[in-house]
Structures are given as structure tokens and as C-alpha cells.
Amino acid sequence: MTDSTVADTRRLNSKPQDLTDAYGPPSNFLEIDVFDPQIVGVGRTRYTTYEVRMRTNLPIFKLKDSCVRRRYSDFEWLKIELERDSKIVVPPLPGKALKRQLPFRGDEGLFDPSFIDERRSGLEQFINRIAGHPLAQNERCLHMFLQDEGIDRNYIPGKRTQTAAPAPCTFISTSRHCKAAGNVRTEECQRRRRNTTIAQNFIEIHCIKHLMSCLYSAIPHIICTLFLIQ
């Protein structure tokens, strides 16, 4: 049998791996840690907050290293927003542990150290599964949850783009400065807030008027009752 008929089983020459390739960060990574639980408040107003730290090199995220504090209700808000606006199946959150909220327990209930650590672990699994989904990474609510100091519950839902280029300018006239498109969204959000405030004030005024009307109509009956008692 000649050498030409024998299959070449030699390994292909590969590029030697240096220390940077071996121990450097992967090409795409996303790591989220939920840690450092702290109890805030006293009595019935107590609640637990957790530090949420994200490290990534994905271009979709504005900050590559961010750290915020969140409480359980913030995770609930994120889940509700994703279920409403995205097309992904949102994983469940750790349970509310209603039994631990009952009085006369032998432990600290919701603030028992073992329960807090168990919930912390569940929240960490939840947020890593959410943030690792490509469709969820486009949602503004996820970016706000992970990277903004506070959560604006009146935000305008939408998608984020891969590039972080500045918004295009729209010129009003040749003698004025250009206004970024982002200002339009801000004005729309402010307009919605004003409309909501006006509607709330109208409802409050209507309720007060109705209450005063009921009081005026009841005054004669009250006076008659007083005379009968005397």
C-alpha cells in the first residue's frame, strides 16, 4: 500500500494559545450577582434590599459594570413588564412566602437569615435567566432595572438598539439649535404624567363634592334626631 492511499491523520496546525487567550475574558459574557442583603426600616415597614451587580461586554448594554440596589417588589415589576411587552416566556420568581408573614412565629419570618439567603439565590437565578435571553436584552425595562439607580414606573416601554450612537437631530429652523429626538420622548412622558395628575385631581375633587353633598343632605335628619332625643 502506497503512502498516497493512506489517509492523512495528522492534526492540523493550530495557533498557539497565549496567556491572554487562556485567562482573558470570553468574547461575550454576562455575569449578574445578587448579594449583600440589607434590612431597611423598622416594624411593619421593614423590607430587604439586595445589591445587583452586572459585568458584561455585550454592546447592547450602556454600562459594562454596574451596581444597583433592588428589593423583591422591583423584581416583581420587571417580571410584569416583560410579560406585558416582550414575547419571551418569563421564568417564575421565588414565592412570596405568605406563611412567613403570619404573626407569632418562632423565627424572624421574612427576615430570617436562612430565608433571606434562599430568596437571594432564587432572585439571582431569575435575573441571570432573564438577562441572558437575547429578546429580553432589547427591553428598556431590563436596562433600567440593571443599570439605573432608580426605577421610573412611568417610563415609556420600548426597545433598545445595539449601537450607542447619539440620537439624530431634528432642526426646527435654521436659526435655532437642533433638538435631539430623545427630548421628544421626555416631553411625551411628561405630558402623560401631567394628564395622569389632572385626572387624579379631577377624581379627588369629584369625590369631595359628592361627600359634601351627602353631608348637606344628612344635616336635616341629624337635627331632627337631636330634637327627638331631647
Protein backbone atom coordinates (compact mmCIF):
# COMPACT_ATOMS: atom_id res chain seq x y z
CA MET A 1 0.00 0.00 0.00
CA THR A 2 1.50 3.31 -1.07
CA ASP A 3 1.68 6.41 1.05
CA SER A 4 -0.81 8.19 -1.25
CA THR A 5 -3.57 5.72 -0.37
CA VAL A 6 -3.10 6.10 3.36
CA ALA A 7 -5.39 8.71 4.96
CA ASP A 8 -3.57 11.66 6.45
CA THR A 9 -4.42 11.58 10.14
CA ARG A 10 -2.02 14.28 11.21
CA ARG A 11 -3.52 17.10 13.29
CA LEU A 12 -3.93 20.45 11.65
CA ASN A 13 -1.55 23.14 12.76
CA SER A 14 -3.37 25.40 15.23
CA LYS A 15 -2.48 28.81 16.52
CA PRO A 16 -0.64 28.57 19.85
CA GLN A 17 -2.67 29.93 22.77
CA ASP A 18 -1.10 32.71 24.81
CA LEU A 19 -1.90 33.83 28.35
CA THR A 20 -4.36 36.48 27.17
CA ASP A 21 -6.42 33.91 25.27
CA ALA A 22 -6.27 31.40 28.10
CA TYR A 23 -7.12 33.67 31.03
CA GLY A 24 -8.72 36.73 29.45
CA PRO A 25 -12.48 37.40 29.46
CA PRO A 26 -14.53 35.43 26.92
CA SER A 27 -15.62 37.09 23.70
CA ASN A 28 -19.17 37.52 25.01
CA PHE A 29 -20.04 37.28 28.68
CA LEU A 30 -22.74 38.45 31.07
CA GLU A 31 -22.47 37.92 34.81
CA ILE A 32 -25.02 39.11 37.39
CA ASP A 33 -24.58 38.65 41.12
CA VAL A 34 -27.26 39.27 43.75
CA PHE A 35 -25.64 39.68 47.15
CA ASP A 36 -25.31 41.78 50.32
CA PRO A 37 -28.93 41.67 51.58
CA GLN A 38 -29.79 44.51 53.94
CA ILE A 39 -32.92 45.03 56.06
CA VAL A 40 -34.32 48.56 55.78
CA GLY A 41 -36.84 50.19 58.13
CA VAL A 42 -38.40 49.08 61.41
CA GLY A 43 -41.56 47.29 62.44
CA ARG A 44 -44.11 46.65 59.73
CA THR A 45 -42.31 48.92 57.29
CA ARG A 46 -39.26 46.65 57.14
CA TYR A 47 -38.12 45.20 53.85
CA THR A 48 -34.97 43.64 52.43
CA THR A 49 -32.86 45.09 49.63
CA TYR A 50 -30.24 43.26 47.57
CA GLU A 51 -27.25 44.52 45.66
CA VAL A 52 -27.42 43.59 41.96
CA ARG A 53 -24.09 43.81 40.15
CA MET A 54 -23.71 43.21 36.43
CA ARG A 55 -20.50 42.74 34.45
CA THR A 56 -20.62 42.30 30.69
CA ASN A 57 -19.00 43.20 27.40
CA LEU A 58 -22.18 42.96 25.32
CA PRO A 59 -22.61 46.10 23.19
CA ILE A 60 -26.36 46.26 23.91
CA PHE A 61 -25.69 47.46 27.47
CA LYS A 62 -24.68 51.06 28.09
CA LEU A 63 -22.57 50.28 31.18
CA LYS A 64 -20.18 47.35 31.28
CA ASP A 65 -20.01 47.29 35.08
CA SER A 66 -23.00 48.48 37.10
CA CYS A 67 -24.26 48.04 40.65
CA VAL A 68 -27.73 48.94 41.99
CA ARG A 69 -29.90 48.01 44.98
CA ARG A 70 -33.26 46.35 44.43
CA ARG A 71 -36.00 44.87 46.59
CA TYR A 72 -38.34 41.97 45.89
CA SER A 73 -41.11 44.23 44.56
CA ASP A 74 -38.67 45.60 41.94
CA PHE A 75 -38.12 42.07 40.64
CA GLU A 76 -41.91 41.66 40.51
CA TRP A 77 -42.19 44.88 38.49
CA LEU A 78 -39.60 43.63 35.99
CA LYS A 79 -41.43 40.32 35.56
CA ILE A 80 -44.76 42.08 34.93
CA GLU A 81 -43.21 44.47 32.40
CA LEU A 82 -41.52 41.66 30.47
CA GLU A 83 -44.70 39.56 30.40
CA ARG A 84 -46.62 42.51 29.01
CA ASP A 85 -44.19 43.88 26.42
CA SER A 86 -41.93 41.01 25.31
CA LYS A 87 -42.53 37.71 23.55
CA ILE A 88 -40.47 35.55 25.87
CA VAL A 89 -41.55 33.06 28.50
CA VAL A 90 -40.62 34.73 31.77
CA PRO A 91 -39.38 32.31 34.46
CA PRO A 92 -41.10 32.35 37.86
CA LEU A 93 -39.87 34.33 40.84
CA PRO A 94 -39.25 32.84 44.27
CA GLY A 95 -42.55 32.61 46.13
CA LYS A 96 -43.92 35.38 48.36
CA ALA A 97 -43.72 33.07 51.40
CA LEU A 98 -47.09 34.15 52.80
CA LYS A 99 -46.81 31.71 55.71
CA ARG A 100 -43.71 33.54 56.90
CA GLN A 101 -45.74 36.74 57.19
CA LEU A 102 -48.06 35.27 59.83
CA PRO A 103 -47.69 36.62 63.40
CA PHE A 104 -46.45 34.67 66.43
CA ARG A 105 -43.81 32.71 64.56
CA GLY A 106 -40.86 31.16 66.32
CA ASP A 107 -38.39 32.72 63.88
CA GLU A 108 -37.95 36.07 62.13
CA GLY A 109 -40.28 35.14 59.28
CA LEU A 110 -39.38 37.05 56.14
CA PHE A 111 -36.25 38.37 57.86
CA ASP A 112 -34.85 35.04 58.97
CA PRO A 113 -31.24 34.83 57.65
CA SER A 114 -31.76 31.40 56.09
CA PHE A 115 -34.87 32.57 54.22
CA ILE A 116 -33.18 35.77 53.03
CA ASP A 117 -30.27 33.78 51.60
CA GLU A 118 -32.66 31.32 49.94
CA ARG A 119 -34.58 34.17 48.33
CA ARG A 120 -31.35 35.88 47.27
CA SER A 121 -30.27 32.72 45.46
CA GLY A 122 -33.64 32.44 43.71
CA LEU A 123 -33.56 36.08 42.61
CA GLU A 124 -30.03 35.63 41.24
CA GLN A 125 -31.13 32.66 39.14
CA PHE A 126 -34.17 34.59 37.91
CA ILE A 127 -32.29 37.70 36.76
CA ASN A 128 -29.50 35.70 35.09
CA ARG A 129 -32.02 33.68 33.08
CA ILE A 130 -33.84 36.86 32.05
CA ALA A 131 -30.76 38.92 31.15
CA GLY A 132 -29.27 36.04 29.16
CA HIS A 133 -32.23 35.96 26.76
CA PRO A 134 -31.48 37.85 23.50
CA LEU A 135 -35.03 39.22 23.20
CA ALA A 136 -35.14 40.41 26.81
CA GLN A 137 -31.85 42.26 26.31
CA ASN A 138 -33.66 44.64 23.95
CA GLU A 139 -36.25 45.71 26.54
CA ARG A 140 -35.81 49.11 28.18
CA CYS A 141 -37.25 47.85 31.48
CA LEU A 142 -34.39 45.35 31.84
CA HIS A 143 -31.76 48.05 31.22
CA MET A 144 -33.46 50.34 33.74
CA PHE A 145 -33.60 47.55 36.31
CA LEU A 146 -29.93 46.60 35.93
CA GLN A 147 -28.25 49.95 35.39
CA ASP A 148 -30.37 52.88 36.63
CA GLU A 149 -30.13 53.99 40.23
CA GLY A 150 -33.90 54.32 40.48
CA ILE A 151 -36.80 52.74 38.59
CA ASP A 152 -39.18 55.07 36.76
CA ARG A 153 -42.53 53.30 36.93
CA ASN A 154 -43.96 55.84 34.43
CA TYR A 155 -41.38 55.11 31.75
CA ILE A 156 -42.37 54.59 28.11
CA PRO A 157 -41.82 50.92 27.15
CA GLY A 158 -39.67 50.30 24.10
CA LYS A 159 -36.68 48.56 22.61
CA ARG A 160 -33.00 49.40 22.76
CA THR A 161 -30.70 49.18 19.77
CA GLN A 162 -27.27 47.58 19.57
CA THR A 163 -25.39 50.77 18.79
CA ALA A 164 -24.94 53.51 21.31
CA ALA A 165 -24.78 56.28 18.69
CA PRO A 166 -26.37 59.62 19.63
CA ALA A 167 -29.93 60.22 18.52
CA PRO A 168 -30.36 62.10 15.22
CA CYS A 169 -31.12 65.80 15.40
CA THR A 170 -34.31 67.36 14.09
CA PHE A 171 -33.92 71.01 13.08
CA ILE A 172 -36.81 73.31 13.94
CA SER A 173 -35.46 76.23 11.91
CA THR A 174 -32.14 77.42 10.56
CA SER A 175 -31.80 79.96 13.36
CA ARG A 176 -32.36 77.52 16.22
CA HIS A 177 -30.30 74.76 17.71
CA CYS A 178 -31.22 71.19 16.88
CA LYS A 179 -33.29 69.22 19.36
CA ALA A 180 -32.43 65.57 19.96
CA ALA A 181 -35.11 63.01 19.33
CA GLY A 182 -34.72 61.82 22.90
CA ASN A 183 -36.23 65.11 24.11
CA VAL A 184 -39.44 64.25 22.26
CA ARG A 185 -39.78 61.09 24.34
CA THR A 186 -39.11 63.07 27.51
CA GLU A 187 -41.81 65.61 26.62
CA GLU A 188 -44.26 62.81 25.84
CA CYS A 189 -43.55 61.15 29.18
CA GLN A 190 -44.01 64.48 30.99
CA ARG A 191 -47.26 65.08 29.12
CA ARG A 192 -48.57 61.68 30.20
CA ARG A 193 -47.63 62.42 33.80
CA ARG A 194 -49.46 65.78 33.66
CA ASN A 195 -52.55 64.14 32.21
CA THR A 196 -52.46 61.47 34.93
CA THR A 197 -52.12 64.14 37.64
CA ILE A 198 -55.03 66.14 36.19
CA ALA A 199 -57.20 63.02 36.08
CA GLN A 200 -56.33 62.16 39.68
CA ASN A 201 -57.12 65.72 40.82
CA PHE A 202 -60.44 65.61 38.99
CA ILE A 203 -61.40 62.36 40.70
CA GLU A 204 -60.42 63.73 44.10
CA ILE A 205 -62.48 66.91 43.56
CA HIS A 206 -65.47 64.86 42.41
CA CYS A 207 -65.24 62.65 45.49
CA ILE A 208 -65.05 65.69 47.79
CA LYS A 209 -68.10 67.25 46.13
CA HIS A 210 -70.04 64.02 46.49
CA LEU A 211 -69.08 63.76 50.16
CA MET A 212 -70.15 67.36 50.85
CA SER A 213 -73.45 66.76 49.08
CA CYS A 214 -74.10 63.72 51.26
CA LEU A 215 -73.29 65.71 54.40
CA TYR A 216 -75.63 68.57 53.44
CA SER A 217 -78.48 66.18 52.73
CA ALA A 218 -77.94 64.43 56.08
CA ILE A 219 -77.95 67.62 58.20
CA PRO A 220 -81.80 67.88 58.50
CA HIS A 221 -82.02 64.24 59.58
CA ILE A 222 -79.33 64.81 62.19
CA ILE A 223 -81.14 67.88 63.56
CA CYS A 224 -84.46 66.01 63.77
CA THR A 225 -82.77 63.14 65.58
CA LEU A 226 -81.25 65.52 68.12
CA PHE A 227 -84.65 67.13 68.84
CA LEU A 228 -86.27 63.72 69.29
CA ILE A 229 -83.58 62.68 71.73
CA GLN A 230 -84.10 65.85 73.80
